[in-house]
Full PDB file with SEQRES, HELIX, SHEET, SSBOND, CRYST1, ORIGX, SCALE, CONECT and MASTER records, all heavy atoms in Angstrom:
SEQRES   1 A   32  VAL PHE SER GLY ALA GLY ILE VAL TYR THR LEU SER LYS          
SEQRES   2 A   32  PRO GLU LEU TYR ILE PHE ALA ALA LEU PHE HIS ASN LEU          
SEQRES   3 A   32  LEU ILE SER SER LEU PHE                                      
HELIX    1 AA1 PHE A    2  THR A   10  1                                   9    
HELIX    2 AA2 PRO A   14  LEU A   31  1                                  18    
CRYST1    1.000    1.000    1.000  90.00  90.00  90.00 P 1           1          
ORIGX1      1.000000  0.000000  0.000000        0.00000                         
ORIGX2      0.000000  1.000000  0.000000        0.00000                         
ORIGX3      0.000000  0.000000  1.000000        0.00000                         
SCALE1      1.000000  0.000000  0.000000        0.00000                         
SCALE2      0.000000  1.000000  0.000000        0.00000                         
SCALE3      0.000000  0.000000  1.000000        0.00000                         
ATOM      1  N   VAL A   1     188.030  56.012  46.875  1.00  0.00           N  
ATOM      2  CA  VAL A   1     187.546  54.861  45.976  1.00  0.00           C  
ATOM      3  C   VAL A   1     188.283  54.898  44.662  1.00  0.00           C  
ATOM      4  O   VAL A   1     188.818  53.856  44.242  1.00  0.00           O  
ATOM      5  CB  VAL A   1     185.999  54.998  45.782  1.00  0.00           C  
ATOM      6  CG1 VAL A   1     185.596  53.969  44.666  1.00  0.00           C  
ATOM      7  CG2 VAL A   1     185.202  54.697  47.057  1.00  0.00           C  
ATOM      8  N   PHE A   2     188.398  56.045  44.064  1.00  0.00           N  
ATOM      9  CA  PHE A   2     189.138  56.079  42.743  1.00  0.00           C  
ATOM     10  C   PHE A   2     190.643  55.847  42.974  1.00  0.00           C  
ATOM     11  O   PHE A   2     191.235  55.312  42.059  1.00  0.00           O  
ATOM     12  CB  PHE A   2     188.819  57.455  42.089  1.00  0.00           C  
ATOM     13  CG  PHE A   2     187.386  57.503  41.524  1.00  0.00           C  
ATOM     14  CD1 PHE A   2     186.528  58.484  41.964  1.00  0.00           C  
ATOM     15  CD2 PHE A   2     186.985  56.659  40.538  1.00  0.00           C  
ATOM     16  CE1 PHE A   2     185.232  58.528  41.470  1.00  0.00           C  
ATOM     17  CE2 PHE A   2     185.717  56.683  40.042  1.00  0.00           C  
ATOM     18  CZ  PHE A   2     184.863  57.663  40.505  1.00  0.00           C  
ATOM     19  N   SER A   3     191.167  56.266  44.055  1.00  0.00           N  
ATOM     20  CA  SER A   3     192.556  56.040  44.333  1.00  0.00           C  
ATOM     21  C   SER A   3     192.820  54.590  44.543  1.00  0.00           C  
ATOM     22  O   SER A   3     193.900  54.008  44.152  1.00  0.00           O  
ATOM     23  CB  SER A   3     193.094  56.803  45.500  1.00  0.00           C  
ATOM     24  OG  SER A   3     192.518  56.310  46.687  1.00  0.00           O  
ATOM     25  N   GLY A   4     191.787  53.794  44.987  1.00  0.00           N  
ATOM     26  CA  GLY A   4     191.885  52.380  45.166  1.00  0.00           C  
ATOM     27  C   GLY A   4     192.006  51.746  43.817  1.00  0.00           C  
ATOM     28  O   GLY A   4     192.718  50.768  43.520  1.00  0.00           O  
ATOM     29  N   ALA A   5     191.222  52.285  42.803  1.00  0.00           N  
ATOM     30  CA  ALA A   5     191.305  51.804  41.466  1.00  0.00           C  
ATOM     31  C   ALA A   5     192.686  52.107  40.893  1.00  0.00           C  
ATOM     32  O   ALA A   5     193.230  51.316  40.115  1.00  0.00           O  
ATOM     33  CB  ALA A   5     190.196  52.499  40.632  1.00  0.00           C  
ATOM     34  N   GLY A   6     193.213  53.250  41.241  1.00  0.00           N  
ATOM     35  CA  GLY A   6     194.593  53.594  40.833  1.00  0.00           C  
ATOM     36  C   GLY A   6     195.617  52.542  41.283  1.00  0.00           C  
ATOM     37  O   GLY A   6     196.584  52.276  40.544  1.00  0.00           O  
ATOM     38  N   ILE A   7     195.453  52.110  42.495  1.00  0.00           N  
ATOM     39  CA  ILE A   7     196.365  51.053  42.974  1.00  0.00           C  
ATOM     40  C   ILE A   7     196.332  49.807  42.114  1.00  0.00           C  
ATOM     41  O   ILE A   7     197.373  49.286  41.817  1.00  0.00           O  
ATOM     42  CB  ILE A   7     195.996  50.719  44.479  1.00  0.00           C  
ATOM     43  CG1 ILE A   7     196.375  51.839  45.361  1.00  0.00           C  
ATOM     44  CG2 ILE A   7     196.699  49.454  44.895  1.00  0.00           C  
ATOM     45  CD1 ILE A   7     196.004  51.619  46.877  1.00  0.00           C  
ATOM     46  N   VAL A   8     195.101  49.393  41.832  1.00  0.00           N  
ATOM     47  CA  VAL A   8     194.940  48.232  40.951  1.00  0.00           C  
ATOM     48  C   VAL A   8     195.622  48.329  39.653  1.00  0.00           C  
ATOM     49  O   VAL A   8     196.354  47.377  39.192  1.00  0.00           O  
ATOM     50  CB  VAL A   8     193.423  47.876  40.713  1.00  0.00           C  
ATOM     51  CG1 VAL A   8     193.268  46.707  39.734  1.00  0.00           C  
ATOM     52  CG2 VAL A   8     192.784  47.559  42.037  1.00  0.00           C  
ATOM     53  N   TYR A   9     195.504  49.491  38.945  1.00  0.00           N  
ATOM     54  CA  TYR A   9     196.117  49.704  37.643  1.00  0.00           C  
ATOM     55  C   TYR A   9     197.644  50.045  37.647  1.00  0.00           C  
ATOM     56  O   TYR A   9     198.173  50.081  36.603  1.00  0.00           O  
ATOM     57  CB  TYR A   9     195.312  50.764  36.880  1.00  0.00           C  
ATOM     58  CG  TYR A   9     193.947  50.313  36.526  1.00  0.00           C  
ATOM     59  CD1 TYR A   9     192.747  50.955  37.037  1.00  0.00           C  
ATOM     60  CD2 TYR A   9     193.709  49.288  35.597  1.00  0.00           C  
ATOM     61  CE1 TYR A   9     191.450  50.538  36.666  1.00  0.00           C  
ATOM     62  CE2 TYR A   9     192.493  48.797  35.270  1.00  0.00           C  
ATOM     63  CZ  TYR A   9     191.305  49.493  35.777  1.00  0.00           C  
ATOM     64  OH  TYR A   9     190.056  49.098  35.403  1.00  0.00           O  
ATOM     65  N   THR A  10     198.122  50.215  38.836  1.00  0.00           N  
ATOM     66  CA  THR A  10     199.603  50.506  38.919  1.00  0.00           C  
ATOM     67  C   THR A  10     200.355  49.440  39.561  1.00  0.00           C  
ATOM     68  O   THR A  10     201.578  49.601  39.822  1.00  0.00           O  
ATOM     69  CB  THR A  10     199.853  51.824  39.628  1.00  0.00           C  
ATOM     70  OG1 THR A  10     199.293  51.781  40.938  1.00  0.00           O  
ATOM     71  CG2 THR A  10     199.184  53.013  38.886  1.00  0.00           C  
ATOM     72  N   LEU A  11     199.738  48.308  39.905  1.00  0.00           N  
ATOM     73  CA  LEU A  11     200.402  47.178  40.594  1.00  0.00           C  
ATOM     74  C   LEU A  11     201.661  46.722  39.765  1.00  0.00           C  
ATOM     75  O   LEU A  11     202.639  46.295  40.326  1.00  0.00           O  
ATOM     76  CB  LEU A  11     199.455  46.017  40.833  1.00  0.00           C  
ATOM     77  CG  LEU A  11     198.538  46.187  42.032  1.00  0.00           C  
ATOM     78  CD1 LEU A  11     197.500  45.034  42.033  1.00  0.00           C  
ATOM     79  CD2 LEU A  11     199.338  46.123  43.322  1.00  0.00           C  
ATOM     80  N   SER A  12     201.545  46.702  38.459  1.00  0.00           N  
ATOM     81  CA  SER A  12     202.651  46.295  37.630  1.00  0.00           C  
ATOM     82  C   SER A  12     203.659  47.380  37.333  1.00  0.00           C  
ATOM     83  O   SER A  12     204.601  47.101  36.631  1.00  0.00           O  
ATOM     84  CB  SER A  12     202.131  45.638  36.299  1.00  0.00           C  
ATOM     85  OG  SER A  12     201.425  46.688  35.601  1.00  0.00           O  
ATOM     86  N   LYS A  13     203.456  48.552  37.890  1.00  0.00           N  
ATOM     87  CA  LYS A  13     204.343  49.672  37.712  1.00  0.00           C  
ATOM     88  C   LYS A  13     204.806  50.217  39.028  1.00  0.00           C  
ATOM     89  O   LYS A  13     204.161  51.161  39.593  1.00  0.00           O  
ATOM     90  CB  LYS A  13     203.683  50.712  36.860  1.00  0.00           C  
ATOM     91  CG  LYS A  13     203.165  50.301  35.480  1.00  0.00           C  
ATOM     92  CD  LYS A  13     202.391  51.334  34.784  1.00  0.00           C  
ATOM     93  CE  LYS A  13     201.825  50.816  33.456  1.00  0.00           C  
ATOM     94  NZ  LYS A  13     200.953  51.852  32.774  1.00  0.00           N  
ATOM     95  N   PRO A  14     205.842  49.645  39.620  1.00  0.00           N  
ATOM     96  CA  PRO A  14     206.258  49.976  40.986  1.00  0.00           C  
ATOM     97  C   PRO A  14     206.499  51.484  41.197  1.00  0.00           C  
ATOM     98  O   PRO A  14     206.176  52.039  42.287  1.00  0.00           O  
ATOM     99  CB  PRO A  14     207.572  49.200  41.197  1.00  0.00           C  
ATOM    100  CG  PRO A  14     207.382  48.066  40.259  1.00  0.00           C  
ATOM    101  CD  PRO A  14     206.687  48.529  39.031  1.00  0.00           C  
ATOM    102  N   GLU A  15     207.043  52.110  40.192  1.00  0.00           N  
ATOM    103  CA  GLU A  15     207.379  53.581  40.239  1.00  0.00           C  
ATOM    104  C   GLU A  15     206.067  54.467  40.411  1.00  0.00           C  
ATOM    105  O   GLU A  15     206.151  55.545  40.939  1.00  0.00           O  
ATOM    106  CB  GLU A  15     208.176  54.035  39.116  1.00  0.00           C  
ATOM    107  CG  GLU A  15     207.505  54.079  37.734  1.00  0.00           C  
ATOM    108  CD  GLU A  15     207.402  52.708  37.046  1.00  0.00           C  
ATOM    109  OE1 GLU A  15     207.894  51.728  37.704  1.00  0.00           O  
ATOM    110  OE2 GLU A  15     206.916  52.637  35.922  1.00  0.00           O  
ATOM    111  N   LEU A  16     204.985  53.930  39.883  1.00  0.00           N  
ATOM    112  CA  LEU A  16     203.655  54.609  40.036  1.00  0.00           C  
ATOM    113  C   LEU A  16     202.883  54.101  41.243  1.00  0.00           C  
ATOM    114  O   LEU A  16     202.136  54.839  41.829  1.00  0.00           O  
ATOM    115  CB  LEU A  16     202.946  54.537  38.769  1.00  0.00           C  
ATOM    116  CG  LEU A  16     203.449  55.140  37.513  1.00  0.00           C  
ATOM    117  CD1 LEU A  16     202.566  54.888  36.312  1.00  0.00           C  
ATOM    118  CD2 LEU A  16     203.593  56.689  37.714  1.00  0.00           C  
ATOM    119  N   TYR A  17     202.957  52.810  41.512  1.00  0.00           N  
ATOM    120  CA  TYR A  17     202.176  52.184  42.548  1.00  0.00           C  
ATOM    121  C   TYR A  17     202.498  52.899  43.933  1.00  0.00           C  
ATOM    122  O   TYR A  17     201.511  53.033  44.665  1.00  0.00           O  
ATOM    123  CB  TYR A  17     202.572  50.720  42.630  1.00  0.00           C  
ATOM    124  CG  TYR A  17     202.049  49.975  43.841  1.00  0.00           C  
ATOM    125  CD1 TYR A  17     200.700  49.691  43.927  1.00  0.00           C  
ATOM    126  CD2 TYR A  17     202.868  49.703  44.914  1.00  0.00           C  
ATOM    127  CE1 TYR A  17     200.194  49.120  45.118  1.00  0.00           C  
ATOM    128  CE2 TYR A  17     202.406  49.086  46.100  1.00  0.00           C  
ATOM    129  CZ  TYR A  17     201.060  48.784  46.131  1.00  0.00           C  
ATOM    130  OH  TYR A  17     200.535  48.213  47.255  1.00  0.00           O  
ATOM    131  N   ILE A  18     203.730  53.203  44.190  1.00  0.00           N  
ATOM    132  CA  ILE A  18     204.052  53.737  45.544  1.00  0.00           C  
ATOM    133  C   ILE A  18     203.209  55.062  45.764  1.00  0.00           C  
ATOM    134  O   ILE A  18     202.779  55.267  46.886  1.00  0.00           O  
ATOM    135  CB  ILE A  18     205.570  53.918  45.694  1.00  0.00           C  
ATOM    136  CG1 ILE A  18     205.944  54.465  47.080  1.00  0.00           C  
ATOM    137  CG2 ILE A  18     206.067  54.846  44.660  1.00  0.00           C  
ATOM    138  CD1 ILE A  18     205.593  53.535  48.165  1.00  0.00           C  
ATOM    139  N   PHE A  19     203.150  55.868  44.709  1.00  0.00           N  
ATOM    140  CA  PHE A  19     202.442  57.192  44.806  1.00  0.00           C  
ATOM    141  C   PHE A  19     200.939  56.947  44.964  1.00  0.00           C  
ATOM    142  O   PHE A  19     200.249  57.617  45.764  1.00  0.00           O  
ATOM    143  CB  PHE A  19     202.799  58.009  43.671  1.00  0.00           C  
ATOM    144  CG  PHE A  19     204.187  58.485  43.562  1.00  0.00           C  
ATOM    145  CD1 PHE A  19     205.099  57.918  42.690  1.00  0.00           C  
ATOM    146  CD2 PHE A  19     204.621  59.548  44.436  1.00  0.00           C  
ATOM    147  CE1 PHE A  19     206.464  58.447  42.626  1.00  0.00           C  
ATOM    148  CE2 PHE A  19     205.968  59.942  44.417  1.00  0.00           C  
ATOM    149  CZ  PHE A  19     206.864  59.367  43.508  1.00  0.00           C  
ATOM    150  N   ALA A  20     200.448  55.946  44.204  1.00  0.00           N  
ATOM    151  CA  ALA A  20     199.011  55.629  44.282  1.00  0.00           C  
ATOM    152  C   ALA A  20     198.639  55.147  45.680  1.00  0.00           C  
ATOM    153  O   ALA A  20     197.639  55.503  46.253  1.00  0.00           O  
ATOM    154  CB  ALA A  20     198.619  54.640  43.217  1.00  0.00           C  
ATOM    155  N   ALA A  21     199.492  54.309  46.238  1.00  0.00           N  
ATOM    156  CA  ALA A  21     199.247  53.722  47.569  1.00  0.00           C  
ATOM    157  C   ALA A  21     199.361  54.747  48.650  1.00  0.00           C  
ATOM    158  O   ALA A  21     198.583  54.806  49.554  1.00  0.00           O  
ATOM    159  CB  ALA A  21     200.232  52.576  47.808  1.00  0.00           C  
ATOM    160  N   LEU A  22     200.348  55.668  48.528  1.00  0.00           N  
ATOM    161  CA  LEU A  22     200.450  56.766  49.475  1.00  0.00           C  
ATOM    162  C   LEU A  22     199.252  57.683  49.416  1.00  0.00           C  
ATOM    163  O   LEU A  22     198.682  58.099  50.538  1.00  0.00           O  
ATOM    164  CB  LEU A  22     201.744  57.565  49.248  1.00  0.00           C  
ATOM    165  CG  LEU A  22     203.031  56.851  49.535  1.00  0.00           C  
ATOM    166  CD1 LEU A  22     204.232  57.721  49.034  1.00  0.00           C  
ATOM    167  CD2 LEU A  22     203.225  56.642  50.976  1.00  0.00           C  
ATOM    168  N   PHE A  23     198.819  58.035  48.269  1.00  0.00           N  
ATOM    169  CA  PHE A  23     197.651  58.887  48.165  1.00  0.00           C  
ATOM    170  C   PHE A  23     196.432  58.241  48.755  1.00  0.00           C  
ATOM    171  O   PHE A  23     195.616  58.942  49.361  1.00  0.00           O  
ATOM    172  CB  PHE A  23     197.410  59.216  46.655  1.00  0.00           C  
ATOM    173  CG  PHE A  23     196.378  60.258  46.345  1.00  0.00           C  
ATOM    174  CD1 PHE A  23     196.478  61.474  46.966  1.00  0.00           C  
ATOM    175  CD2 PHE A  23     195.338  59.965  45.512  1.00  0.00           C  
ATOM    176  CE1 PHE A  23     195.470  62.459  46.763  1.00  0.00           C  
ATOM    177  CE2 PHE A  23     194.400  60.984  45.213  1.00  0.00           C  
ATOM    178  CZ  PHE A  23     194.423  62.135  45.927  1.00  0.00           C  
ATOM    179  N   HIS A  24     196.334  56.953  48.449  1.00  0.00           N  
ATOM    180  CA  HIS A  24     195.160  56.145  48.925  1.00  0.00           C  
ATOM    181  C   HIS A  24     195.081  56.235  50.469  1.00  0.00           C  
ATOM    182  O   HIS A  24     194.055  56.446  51.115  1.00  0.00           O  
ATOM    183  CB  HIS A  24     195.221  54.756  48.489  1.00  0.00           C  
ATOM    184  CG  HIS A  24     194.060  53.869  48.800  1.00  0.00           C  
ATOM    185  ND1 HIS A  24     192.869  54.085  48.237  1.00  0.00           N  
ATOM    186  CD2 HIS A  24     193.975  52.841  49.703  1.00  0.00           C  
ATOM    187  CE1 HIS A  24     191.986  53.155  48.748  1.00  0.00           C  
ATOM    188  NE2 HIS A  24     192.629  52.400  49.622  1.00  0.00           N  
ATOM    189  N   ASN A  25     196.264  55.916  51.162  1.00  0.00           N  
ATOM    190  CA  ASN A  25     196.252  55.941  52.618  1.00  0.00           C  
ATOM    191  C   ASN A  25     196.080  57.287  53.252  1.00  0.00           C  
ATOM    192  O   ASN A  25     195.410  57.447  54.292  1.00  0.00           O  
ATOM    193  CB  ASN A  25     197.604  55.358  53.031  1.00  0.00           C  
ATOM    194  CG  ASN A  25     197.640  53.856  52.986  1.00  0.00           C  
ATOM    195  OD1 ASN A  25     196.796  53.246  52.313  1.00  0.00           O  
ATOM    196  ND2 ASN A  25     198.601  53.188  53.600  1.00  0.00           N  
ATOM    197  N   LEU A  26     196.645  58.300  52.585  1.00  0.00           N  
ATOM    198  CA  LEU A  26     196.486  59.689  53.089  1.00  0.00           C  
ATOM    199  C   LEU A  26     194.989  60.091  52.958  1.00  0.00           C  
ATOM    200  O   LEU A  26     194.483  60.852  53.857  1.00  0.00           O  
ATOM    201  CB  LEU A  26     197.340  60.625  52.388  1.00  0.00           C  
ATOM    202  CG  LEU A  26     198.839  60.433  52.751  1.00  0.00           C  
ATOM    203  CD1 LEU A  26     199.678  61.413  51.918  1.00  0.00           C  
ATOM    204  CD2 LEU A  26     199.070  60.646  54.252  1.00  0.00           C  
ATOM    205  N   LEU A  27     194.312  59.778  51.951  1.00  0.00           N  
ATOM    206  CA  LEU A  27     192.893  60.072  51.788  1.00  0.00           C  
ATOM    207  C   LEU A  27     192.062  59.454  52.852  1.00  0.00           C  
ATOM    208  O   LEU A  27     191.194  60.066  53.469  1.00  0.00           O  
ATOM    209  CB  LEU A  27     192.391  59.676  50.407  1.00  0.00           C  
ATOM    210  CG  LEU A  27     192.850  60.563  49.212  1.00  0.00           C  
ATOM    211  CD1 LEU A  27     192.444  59.904  47.893  1.00  0.00           C  
ATOM    212  CD2 LEU A  27     192.132  61.960  49.343  1.00  0.00           C  
ATOM    213  N   ILE A  28     192.300  58.165  53.169  1.00  0.00           N  
ATOM    214  CA  ILE A  28     191.472  57.470  54.098  1.00  0.00           C  
ATOM    215  C   ILE A  28     191.744  58.013  55.505  1.00  0.00           C  
ATOM    216  O   ILE A  28     190.903  58.075  56.363  1.00  0.00           O  
ATOM    217  CB  ILE A  28     191.563  55.924  54.002  1.00  0.00           C  
ATOM    218  CG1 ILE A  28     190.473  55.224  54.798  1.00  0.00           C  
ATOM    219  CG2 ILE A  28     192.997  55.558  54.491  1.00  0.00           C  
ATOM    220  CD1 ILE A  28     189.127  55.481  54.264  1.00  0.00           C  
ATOM    221  N   SER A  29     192.933  58.368  55.724  1.00  0.00           N  
ATOM    222  CA  SER A  29     193.368  58.989  57.046  1.00  0.00           C  
ATOM    223  C   SER A  29     192.684  60.265  57.226  1.00  0.00           C  
ATOM    224  O   SER A  29     192.101  60.557  58.347  1.00  0.00           O  
ATOM    225  CB  SER A  29     194.880  59.203  57.107  1.00  0.00           C  
ATOM    226  OG  SER A  29     195.539  57.938  57.038  1.00  0.00           O  
ATOM    227  N   SER A  30     192.632  61.071  56.170  1.00  0.00           N  
ATOM    228  CA  SER A  30     191.937  62.370  56.279  1.00  0.00           C  
ATOM    229  C   SER A  30     190.425  62.224  56.465  1.00  0.00           C  
ATOM    230  O   SER A  30     189.783  62.914  57.211  1.00  0.00           O  
ATOM    231  CB  SER A  30     192.188  63.214  54.980  1.00  0.00           C  
ATOM    232  OG  SER A  30     193.590  63.449  54.825  1.00  0.00           O  
ATOM    233  N   LEU A  31     189.867  61.246  55.711  1.00  0.00           N  
ATOM    234  CA  LEU A  31     188.418  60.973  55.862  1.00  0.00           C  
ATOM    235  C   LEU A  31     188.046  60.544  57.267  1.00  0.00           C  
ATOM    236  O   LEU A  31     187.043  61.063  57.848  1.00  0.00           O  
ATOM    237  CB  LEU A  31     188.024  59.856  54.842  1.00  0.00           C  
ATOM    238  CG  LEU A  31     186.615  59.296  55.069  1.00  0.00           C  
ATOM    239  CD1 LEU A  31     185.577  60.382  54.743  1.00  0.00           C  
ATOM    240  CD2 LEU A  31     186.396  58.166  54.071  1.00  0.00           C  
ATOM    241  N   PHE A  32     188.945  59.682  57.837  1.00  0.00           N  
ATOM    242  CA  PHE A  32     188.622  59.246  59.223  1.00  0.00           C  
ATOM    243  C   PHE A  32     188.680  60.427  60.237  1.00  0.00           C  
ATOM    244  O   PHE A  32     187.928  60.491  61.126  1.00  0.00           O  
ATOM    245  CB  PHE A  32     189.604  58.142  59.633  1.00  0.00           C  
ATOM    246  CG  PHE A  32     189.363  57.562  61.007  1.00  0.00           C  
ATOM    247  CD1 PHE A  32     188.235  56.834  61.261  1.00  0.00           C  
ATOM    248  CD2 PHE A  32     190.259  57.821  61.958  1.00  0.00           C  
ATOM    249  CE1 PHE A  32     187.973  56.270  62.539  1.00  0.00           C  
ATOM    250  CE2 PHE A  32     189.981  57.338  63.225  1.00  0.00           C  
ATOM    251  CZ  PHE A  32     188.914  56.547  63.555  1.00  0.00           C  
TER     252      PHE A  32                                                      
MASTER        0    0    0    2    0    0    0    6  251    1    0    3          
END                                                                             
């Protein structure tokens, strides 16, 4: 959930957004 917030706040910063998105997807994959 908090990594999803990180995605929102890094949308305008591509160099950070990619890491936030990767972390978000890996977390949900692990949760599943």
